[in-house]
C-alpha atoms as a PDB file:
ATOM      1  CA  UNK A   1       8.979  10.502  12.164  1.00  0.00           C
ATOM      2  CA  UNK A   2       9.103   8.606   8.939  1.00  0.00           C
ATOM      3  CA  UNK A   3       9.242   9.680   5.150  1.00  0.00           C
ATOM      4  CA  UNK A   4       7.822   7.323   2.563  1.00  0.00           C
ATOM      5  CA  UNK A   5       8.417   6.934  -1.201  1.00  0.00           C
ATOM      6  CA  UNK A   6       6.351   4.856  -3.493  1.00  0.00           C
ATOM      7  CA  UNK A   7       7.608   3.332  -6.681  1.00  0.00           C
ATOM      8  CA  UNK A   8       6.688   0.587  -9.225  1.00  0.00           C
ATOM      9  CA  UNK A   9       3.636   2.096 -10.769  1.00  0.00           C
ATOM     10  CA  UNK A  10       2.994   2.262 -14.533  1.00  0.00           C
ATOM     11  CA  UNK A  11       0.785   1.122 -17.306  1.00  0.00           C
ATOM     12  CA  UNK A  12      -0.214  -2.496 -17.693  1.00  0.00           C
ATOM     13  CA  UNK A  13      -2.860  -4.367 -19.632  1.00  0.00           C
ATOM     14  CA  UNK A  14      -5.773  -5.947 -17.904  1.00  0.00           C
ATOM     15  CA  UNK A  15      -4.728  -9.308 -16.425  1.00  0.00           C
ATOM     16  CA  UNK A  16      -1.145  -8.029 -15.812  1.00  0.00           C
ATOM     17  CA  UNK A  17       0.806  -7.612 -12.767  1.00  0.00           C
ATOM     18  CA  UNK A  18       2.715  -4.848 -10.931  1.00  0.00           C
ATOM     19  CA  UNK A  19       4.650  -4.568  -7.702  1.00  0.00           C
ATOM     20  CA  UNK A  20       4.500  -1.448  -5.829  1.00  0.00           C
ATOM     21  CA  UNK A  21       7.205  -0.692  -3.220  1.00  0.00           C
ATOM     22  CA  UNK A  22       7.020   1.860  -0.415  1.00  0.00           C
ATOM     23  CA  UNK A  23      10.424   2.739   0.974  1.00  0.00           C
ATOM     24  CA  UNK A  24      10.773   4.404   4.299  1.00  0.00           C
ATOM     25  CA  UNK A  25      13.437   6.435   5.944  1.00  0.00           C
ATOM     26  CA  UNK A  26      14.147   6.198   9.751  1.00  0.00           C
ATOM     27  CA  UNK A  27      15.522   3.655  11.990  1.00  0.00           C
ATOM     28  CA  UNK A  28      12.161   2.797  13.642  1.00  0.00           C
ATOM     29  CA  UNK A  29      10.137   1.616  10.714  1.00  0.00           C
ATOM     30  CA  UNK A  30       9.490  -1.719  12.327  1.00  0.00           C
ATOM     31  CA  UNK A  31       7.328   0.144  14.948  1.00  0.00           C
ATOM     32  CA  UNK A  32       4.866   1.364  12.161  1.00  0.00           C
ATOM     33  CA  UNK A  33       1.848  -0.253  10.625  1.00  0.00           C
ATOM     34  CA  UNK A  34       1.551   0.431   6.977  1.00  0.00           C
ATOM     35  CA  UNK A  35      -1.291   0.580   4.599  1.00  0.00           C
ATOM     36  CA  UNK A  36      -1.891   1.036   0.977  1.00  0.00           C
ATOM     37  CA  UNK A  37      -4.583   3.293  -0.369  1.00  0.00           C
ATOM     38  CA  UNK A  38      -5.629   4.360  -3.720  1.00  0.00           C
ATOM     39  CA  UNK A  39      -7.675   7.285  -5.140  1.00  0.00           C
ATOM     40  CA  UNK A  40      -9.185   7.379  -8.593  1.00  0.00           C
ATOM     41  CA  UNK A  41     -10.196  10.644 -10.330  1.00  0.00           C
ATOM     42  CA  UNK A  42     -13.204  12.162  -8.654  1.00  0.00           C
ATOM     43  CA  UNK A  43     -13.342   9.501  -6.032  1.00  0.00           C
ATOM     44  CA  UNK A  44     -12.309   9.386  -2.479  1.00  0.00           C
ATOM     45  CA  UNK A  45      -9.311   7.834  -1.113  1.00  0.00           C
ATOM     46  CA  UNK A  46     -10.009   4.082  -0.427  1.00  0.00           C
ATOM     47  CA  UNK A  47      -8.265   1.473   1.579  1.00  0.00           C
ATOM     48  CA  UNK A  48      -6.481  -1.370  -0.312  1.00  0.00           C
ATOM     49  CA  UNK A  49      -4.296  -3.249   2.107  1.00  0.00           C
ATOM     50  CA  UNK A  50      -2.591  -2.955   5.496  1.00  0.00           C
ATOM     51  CA  UNK A  51       0.228  -4.885   7.403  1.00  0.00           C
ATOM     52  CA  UNK A  52       1.101  -4.642  11.071  1.00  0.00           C
ATOM     53  CA  UNK A  53       4.675  -3.967  12.474  1.00  0.00           C
ATOM     54  CA  UNK A  54       5.675  -7.574  12.323  1.00  0.00           C
ATOM     55  CA  UNK A  55       3.868  -8.417   9.036  1.00  0.00           C
ATOM     56  CA  UNK A  56       1.712 -11.097  10.653  1.00  0.00           C
ATOM     57  CA  UNK A  57      -1.527  -9.051  10.808  1.00  0.00           C
ATOM     58  CA  UNK A  58      -2.822  -8.179   7.367  1.00  0.00           C
ATOM     59  CA  UNK A  59      -6.129  -6.736   5.987  1.00  0.00           C
ATOM     60  CA  UNK A  60      -7.426  -6.371   2.414  1.00  0.00           C
ATOM     61  CA  UNK A  61     -10.297  -4.654   0.886  1.00  0.00           C
ATOM     62  CA  UNK A  62     -12.801  -7.120  -0.532  1.00  0.00           C
ATOM     63  CA  UNK A  63     -12.166  -5.673  -4.019  1.00  0.00           C
ATOM     64  CA  UNK A  64      -8.560  -6.770  -4.042  1.00  0.00           C
ATOM     65  CA  UNK A  65      -8.660  -9.985  -1.878  1.00  0.00           C
ATOM     66  CA  UNK A  66      -7.189 -12.951  -3.729  1.00  0.00           C
ATOM     67  CA  UNK A  67      -5.377 -10.658  -6.272  1.00  0.00           C
ATOM     68  CA  UNK A  68      -3.162  -8.399  -4.123  1.00  0.00           C
ATOM     69  CA  UNK A  69      -0.572  -9.340  -1.594  1.00  0.00           C
ATOM     70  CA  UNK A  70       1.009  -7.064   0.831  1.00  0.00           C
ATOM     71  CA  UNK A  71       4.285  -7.874   2.543  1.00  0.00           C
ATOM     72  CA  UNK A  72       7.133  -6.109   4.263  1.00  0.00           C
ATOM     73  CA  UNK A  73      10.904  -6.450   4.820  1.00  0.00           C
ATOM     74  CA  UNK A  74      11.888  -4.530   7.924  1.00  0.00           C
ATOM     75  CA  UNK A  75      15.596  -5.002   7.285  1.00  0.00           C
ATOM     76  CA  UNK A  76      15.055  -3.051   4.135  1.00  0.00           C
ATOM     77  CA  UNK A  77      12.495  -0.564   5.520  1.00  0.00           C
ATOM     78  CA  UNK A  78      10.226  -1.493   2.670  1.00  0.00           C
ATOM     79  CA  UNK A  79       6.628  -2.547   2.192  1.00  0.00           C
ATOM     80  CA  UNK A  80       5.369  -4.135  -1.072  1.00  0.00           C
ATOM     81  CA  UNK A  81       2.036  -4.558  -2.755  1.00  0.00           C
ATOM     82  CA  UNK A  82       2.075  -7.352  -5.420  1.00  0.00           C
ATOM     83  CA  UNK A  83      -0.799  -6.798  -7.713  1.00  0.00           C
ATOM     84  CA  UNK A  84      -1.974  -9.584 -10.073  1.00  0.00           C
ATOM     85  CA  UNK A  85      -4.990  -9.978 -12.292  1.00  0.00           C
ATOM     86  CA  UNK A  86      -5.138  -6.279 -12.592  1.00  0.00           C
ATOM     87  CA  UNK A  87      -8.511  -4.724 -13.843  1.00  0.00           C
ATOM     88  CA  UNK A  88      -9.281  -1.266 -15.435  1.00  0.00           C
ATOM     89  CA  UNK A  89     -10.977  -0.479 -12.177  1.00  0.00           C
ATOM     90  CA  UNK A  90      -7.749  -0.778 -10.315  1.00  0.00           C
ATOM     91  CA  UNK A  91      -6.630   2.318 -12.122  1.00  0.00           C
ATOM     92  CA  UNK A  92      -5.690   5.023  -9.515  1.00  0.00           C
ATOM     93  CA  UNK A  93      -2.936   6.749  -7.688  1.00  0.00           C
ATOM     94  CA  UNK A  94      -1.598   4.392  -5.049  1.00  0.00           C
ATOM     95  CA  UNK A  95      -0.361   5.775  -1.752  1.00  0.00           C
ATOM     96  CA  UNK A  96       1.372   4.143   1.183  1.00  0.00           C
ATOM     97  CA  UNK A  97       0.863   5.448   4.671  1.00  0.00           C
ATOM     98  CA  UNK A  98       2.417   4.689   7.949  1.00  0.00           C
ATOM     99  CA  UNK A  99       1.104   4.669  11.574  1.00  0.00           C
ATOM    100  CA  UNK A 100       3.042   4.459  14.772  1.00  0.00           C
ATOM    101  CA  UNK A 101       1.773   1.342  16.590  1.00  0.00           C
ATOM    102  CA  UNK A 102       2.483   0.145  20.077  1.00  0.00           C
ATOM    103  CA  UNK A 103       0.696  -3.219  19.485  1.00  0.00           C
ATOM    104  CA  UNK A 104       1.106  -5.439  16.424  1.00  0.00           C
ATOM    105  CA  UNK A 105      -1.893  -4.704  14.550  1.00  0.00           C
ATOM    106  CA  UNK A 106      -3.117  -2.465  11.706  1.00  0.00           C
ATOM    107  CA  UNK A 107      -6.136  -0.449  10.505  1.00  0.00           C
ATOM    108  CA  UNK A 108      -8.274   0.178   7.364  1.00  0.00           C
ATOM    109  CA  UNK A 109      -9.066   3.750   8.654  1.00  0.00           C
ATOM    110  CA  UNK A 110      -7.375   6.218   6.520  1.00  0.00           C
ATOM    111  CA  UNK A 111      -7.660   8.994   9.225  1.00  0.00           C
ATOM    112  CA  UNK A 112      -5.478   7.018  11.572  1.00  0.00           C
ATOM    113  CA  UNK A 113      -2.436   7.169   9.449  1.00  0.00           C
ATOM    114  CA  UNK A 114       0.076   9.841  10.232  1.00  0.00           C
ATOM    115  CA  UNK A 115       2.654   9.751   7.360  1.00  0.00           C
ATOM    116  CA  UNK A 116       1.887   9.562   3.694  1.00  0.00           C
ATOM    117  CA  UNK A 117       3.947   9.160   0.509  1.00  0.00           C
ATOM    118  CA  UNK A 118       3.420  11.174  -2.717  1.00  0.00           C
ATOM    119  CA  UNK A 119       1.760   8.343  -4.572  1.00  0.00           C
ATOM    120  CA  UNK A 120       2.399   6.516  -7.781  1.00  0.00           C
ATOM    121  CA  UNK A 121       0.186   6.161 -10.792  1.00  0.00           C
ATOM    122  CA  UNK A 122      -1.163   2.738 -11.737  1.00  0.00           C
ATOM    123  CA  UNK A 123      -3.137   2.602 -15.074  1.00  0.00           C
ATOM    124  CA  UNK A 124      -4.729  -0.550 -16.203  1.00  0.00           C
ATOM    125  CA  UNK A 125      -5.883  -0.680 -19.872  1.00  0.00           C
ATOM    126  CA  UNK A 126      -8.698  -2.835 -21.146  1.00  0.00           C
END
């Protein structure tokens, strides 16, 4: 089992940057693929980015490709989401999620993640 805690959210102007962190408990974090998702008011939770156990397999949503970068440091049990060139439409609560993986891959499918953090608010003003 793994527990996840997000941090790094806040208020930023359009064009600015934020770095979110997802810190995990447990000694086997390196066996989990991790994804970032976001949910805006009145909308469904949507995929943002995902990284495999090793960090080598990475997926991005088309809406953030080229602006966001996901990475992980297994020694620190932490996954990061660097968000640059932020837009007002990026405003949402951002969640990280983990899925135990035998193979070194990941998924965009929200239903395949077993563990979730509480979320961190990101607000981008125009």
